[in-house]
C-alpha atoms as a PDB file:
ATOM      1  CA  UNK A   1       0.000   0.000   0.000  1.00  0.00           C
ATOM      2  CA  UNK A   2       1.291   3.412  -0.989  1.00  0.00           C
ATOM      3  CA  UNK A   3       0.354   6.970  -0.111  1.00  0.00           C
ATOM      4  CA  UNK A   4      -0.928   9.008  -3.068  1.00  0.00           C
ATOM      5  CA  UNK A   5      -1.760  12.713  -3.143  1.00  0.00           C
ATOM      6  CA  UNK A   6      -4.187  13.934  -5.808  1.00  0.00           C
ATOM      7  CA  UNK A   7      -3.943  17.662  -6.612  1.00  0.00           C
ATOM      8  CA  UNK A   8      -6.536  18.966  -9.080  1.00  0.00           C
ATOM      9  CA  UNK A   9      -8.935  21.903  -9.053  1.00  0.00           C
ATOM     10  CA  UNK A  10     -11.696  19.821 -10.673  1.00  0.00           C
ATOM     11  CA  UNK A  11     -13.706  17.982  -8.022  1.00  0.00           C
ATOM     12  CA  UNK A  12     -14.802  15.274 -10.481  1.00  0.00           C
ATOM     13  CA  UNK A  13     -11.203  14.394 -11.370  1.00  0.00           C
ATOM     14  CA  UNK A  14     -10.165  14.371  -7.695  1.00  0.00           C
ATOM     15  CA  UNK A  15     -13.050  12.090  -6.711  1.00  0.00           C
ATOM     16  CA  UNK A  16     -12.484   9.704  -9.628  1.00  0.00           C
ATOM     17  CA  UNK A  17      -8.781   9.312  -8.842  1.00  0.00           C
ATOM     18  CA  UNK A  18      -9.441   9.135  -5.096  1.00  0.00           C
ATOM     19  CA  UNK A  19     -11.937   6.277  -5.516  1.00  0.00           C
ATOM     20  CA  UNK A  20      -9.792   4.481  -8.092  1.00  0.00           C
ATOM     21  CA  UNK A  21      -6.650   4.391  -5.985  1.00  0.00           C
ATOM     22  CA  UNK A  22      -8.552   3.634  -2.763  1.00  0.00           C
ATOM     23  CA  UNK A  23      -9.954   0.568  -4.561  1.00  0.00           C
ATOM     24  CA  UNK A  24      -6.329  -0.418  -5.187  1.00  0.00           C
ATOM     25  CA  UNK A  25      -5.792  -0.323  -1.389  1.00  0.00           C
ATOM     26  CA  UNK A  26      -3.720   2.873  -1.323  1.00  0.00           C
ATOM     27  CA  UNK A  27      -3.989   5.642   1.249  1.00  0.00           C
ATOM     28  CA  UNK A  28      -5.184   8.667  -0.722  1.00  0.00           C
ATOM     29  CA  UNK A  29      -5.495  12.353   0.141  1.00  0.00           C
ATOM     30  CA  UNK A  30      -6.867  15.140  -2.047  1.00  0.00           C
ATOM     31  CA  UNK A  31      -6.052  18.825  -2.505  1.00  0.00           C
ATOM     32  CA  UNK A  32      -7.983  21.303  -4.658  1.00  0.00           C
ATOM     33  CA  UNK A  33      -4.952  23.520  -5.299  1.00  0.00           C
ATOM     34  CA  UNK A  34      -1.250  23.994  -4.691  1.00  0.00           C
ATOM     35  CA  UNK A  35      -1.685  25.762  -1.354  1.00  0.00           C
ATOM     36  CA  UNK A  36      -3.774  22.869   0.006  1.00  0.00           C
ATOM     37  CA  UNK A  37      -1.220  20.382  -1.328  1.00  0.00           C
ATOM     38  CA  UNK A  38       1.642  22.141   0.455  1.00  0.00           C
ATOM     39  CA  UNK A  39      -0.385  22.197   3.689  1.00  0.00           C
ATOM     40  CA  UNK A  40      -1.097  18.466   3.386  1.00  0.00           C
ATOM     41  CA  UNK A  41       2.581  17.694   2.888  1.00  0.00           C
ATOM     42  CA  UNK A  42       3.185  18.729   6.493  1.00  0.00           C
ATOM     43  CA  UNK A  43       1.228  15.732   7.791  1.00  0.00           C
ATOM     44  CA  UNK A  44       0.940  13.378   4.801  1.00  0.00           C
ATOM     45  CA  UNK A  45       4.115  12.055   3.190  1.00  0.00           C
ATOM     46  CA  UNK A  46       3.027  10.691  -0.190  1.00  0.00           C
ATOM     47  CA  UNK A  47       4.959   8.157  -2.234  1.00  0.00           C
ATOM     48  CA  UNK A  48       3.442   9.655  -5.386  1.00  0.00           C
ATOM     49  CA  UNK A  49       1.668  12.875  -6.361  1.00  0.00           C
ATOM     50  CA  UNK A  50      -0.766  13.139  -9.272  1.00  0.00           C
ATOM     51  CA  UNK A  51      -0.990  16.872 -10.028  1.00  0.00           C
ATOM     52  CA  UNK A  52      -2.846  19.026 -12.509  1.00  0.00           C
ATOM     53  CA  UNK A  53      -0.698  21.529 -14.393  1.00  0.00           C
ATOM     54  CA  UNK A  54      -3.286  24.289 -14.706  1.00  0.00           C
ATOM     55  CA  UNK A  55      -4.914  25.374 -11.446  1.00  0.00           C
ATOM     56  CA  UNK A  56      -6.038  28.779 -10.198  1.00  0.00           C
ATOM     57  CA  UNK A  57      -3.666  30.596  -7.880  1.00  0.00           C
ATOM     58  CA  UNK A  58      -0.573  28.430  -7.694  1.00  0.00           C
ATOM     59  CA  UNK A  59      -0.287  26.239 -10.806  1.00  0.00           C
ATOM     60  CA  UNK A  60       1.231  22.758 -10.907  1.00  0.00           C
ATOM     61  CA  UNK A  61       4.700  23.961 -11.851  1.00  0.00           C
ATOM     62  CA  UNK A  62       4.784  26.521  -9.048  1.00  0.00           C
ATOM     63  CA  UNK A  63       3.506  23.925  -6.587  1.00  0.00           C
ATOM     64  CA  UNK A  64       6.102  21.404  -7.726  1.00  0.00           C
ATOM     65  CA  UNK A  65       8.811  24.068  -7.399  1.00  0.00           C
ATOM     66  CA  UNK A  66       7.721  24.666  -3.793  1.00  0.00           C
ATOM     67  CA  UNK A  67       7.684  20.915  -3.084  1.00  0.00           C
ATOM     68  CA  UNK A  68      11.231  20.601  -4.434  1.00  0.00           C
ATOM     69  CA  UNK A  69      12.316  23.688  -2.450  1.00  0.00           C
ATOM     70  CA  UNK A  70      11.189  21.847   0.686  1.00  0.00           C
ATOM     71  CA  UNK A  71      13.577  19.061  -0.270  1.00  0.00           C
ATOM     72  CA  UNK A  72      10.826  16.599  -1.145  1.00  0.00           C
ATOM     73  CA  UNK A  73      11.981  14.112  -3.785  1.00  0.00           C
ATOM     74  CA  UNK A  74       8.537  12.489  -4.101  1.00  0.00           C
ATOM     75  CA  UNK A  75       7.565  11.149  -7.539  1.00  0.00           C
ATOM     76  CA  UNK A  76       5.129  13.289  -9.528  1.00  0.00           C
ATOM     77  CA  UNK A  77       2.870  12.586 -12.485  1.00  0.00           C
ATOM     78  CA  UNK A  78       1.780  15.871 -14.066  1.00  0.00           C
ATOM     79  CA  UNK A  79      -1.634  15.950 -15.752  1.00  0.00           C
ATOM     80  CA  UNK A  80      -2.876  18.573 -18.171  1.00  0.00           C
ATOM     81  CA  UNK A  81      -5.293  19.257 -20.994  1.00  0.00           C
ATOM     82  CA  UNK A  82      -2.862  21.806 -22.405  1.00  0.00           C
ATOM     83  CA  UNK A  83       0.131  20.393 -24.294  1.00  0.00           C
ATOM     84  CA  UNK A  84       2.411  23.377 -23.736  1.00  0.00           C
ATOM     85  CA  UNK A  85       5.944  22.265 -24.595  1.00  0.00           C
ATOM     86  CA  UNK A  86       7.577  25.009 -22.510  1.00  0.00           C
ATOM     87  CA  UNK A  87       5.669  23.890 -19.409  1.00  0.00           C
ATOM     88  CA  UNK A  88       6.490  20.266 -20.180  1.00  0.00           C
ATOM     89  CA  UNK A  89      10.209  21.101 -20.262  1.00  0.00           C
ATOM     90  CA  UNK A  90       9.993  22.996 -16.973  1.00  0.00           C
ATOM     91  CA  UNK A  91       8.163  20.065 -15.394  1.00  0.00           C
ATOM     92  CA  UNK A  92      10.848  17.664 -16.601  1.00  0.00           C
ATOM     93  CA  UNK A  93      13.523  19.948 -15.149  1.00  0.00           C
ATOM     94  CA  UNK A  94      11.724  19.697 -11.788  1.00  0.00           C
ATOM     95  CA  UNK A  95      11.906  15.919 -11.982  1.00  0.00           C
ATOM     96  CA  UNK A  96       8.443  14.676 -12.903  1.00  0.00           C
ATOM     97  CA  UNK A  97       8.144  10.975 -13.666  1.00  0.00           C
ATOM     98  CA  UNK A  98       5.462  11.245 -16.360  1.00  0.00           C
ATOM     99  CA  UNK A  99       3.339  13.760 -18.163  1.00  0.00           C
ATOM    100  CA  UNK A 100      -0.254  12.658 -18.860  1.00  0.00           C
ATOM    101  CA  UNK A 101      -2.648  14.410 -21.248  1.00  0.00           C
ATOM    102  CA  UNK A 102      -6.256  14.950 -20.187  1.00  0.00           C
ATOM    103  CA  UNK A 103      -8.616  13.380 -20.817  1.00  0.00           C
ATOM    104  CA  UNK A 104      -6.610  10.357 -19.718  1.00  0.00           C
ATOM    105  CA  UNK A 105      -7.404   6.674 -19.968  1.00  0.00           C
ATOM    106  CA  UNK A 106      -8.000   5.604 -16.376  1.00  0.00           C
ATOM    107  CA  UNK A 107      -6.787   2.058 -17.004  1.00  0.00           C
ATOM    108  CA  UNK A 108      -3.526   3.341 -18.500  1.00  0.00           C
ATOM    109  CA  UNK A 109      -3.011   5.754 -15.609  1.00  0.00           C
ATOM    110  CA  UNK A 110      -3.748   3.041 -13.075  1.00  0.00           C
ATOM    111  CA  UNK A 111      -1.212   0.728 -14.731  1.00  0.00           C
ATOM    112  CA  UNK A 112       1.422   3.479 -14.892  1.00  0.00           C
ATOM    113  CA  UNK A 113       0.928   4.237 -11.183  1.00  0.00           C
ATOM    114  CA  UNK A 114       1.154   0.530 -10.352  1.00  0.00           C
ATOM    115  CA  UNK A 115       4.425   0.242 -12.300  1.00  0.00           C
ATOM    116  CA  UNK A 116       5.930   3.327 -10.616  1.00  0.00           C
ATOM    117  CA  UNK A 117       4.969   2.186  -7.129  1.00  0.00           C
ATOM    118  CA  UNK A 118       6.217  -1.349  -7.727  1.00  0.00           C
ATOM    119  CA  UNK A 119       9.578   0.019  -8.897  1.00  0.00           C
ATOM    120  CA  UNK A 120       9.975   2.785  -6.325  1.00  0.00           C
ATOM    121  CA  UNK A 121       8.586   1.330  -3.103  1.00  0.00           C
ATOM    122  CA  UNK A 122       8.155  -2.358  -3.878  1.00  0.00           C
END
């Protein structure tokens, strides 16, 4: 069992991913934005973060920058509906594991998460 943090401003996406990964027996927490995610990191130490790129206030890149500034080396999968190559490069520079386009195939995402967690914490 792993700890997964879902960070997305869309409630439907958060709930879907929350339920999916809970079914897979993981401990899952949700944040609606980058500020909430950073607050959660104080008490919840995730093995993996699934984070939306485009969120109001602090976007995914800014949030990831803050996470890295705190010294957190946690794995991150960045999700976005906007295929901006500049943002993709910045995300790679900050050490994301994967970049997933929305809408995503839930089965593919689930398999990718399983593979990452098996490699990293298994």
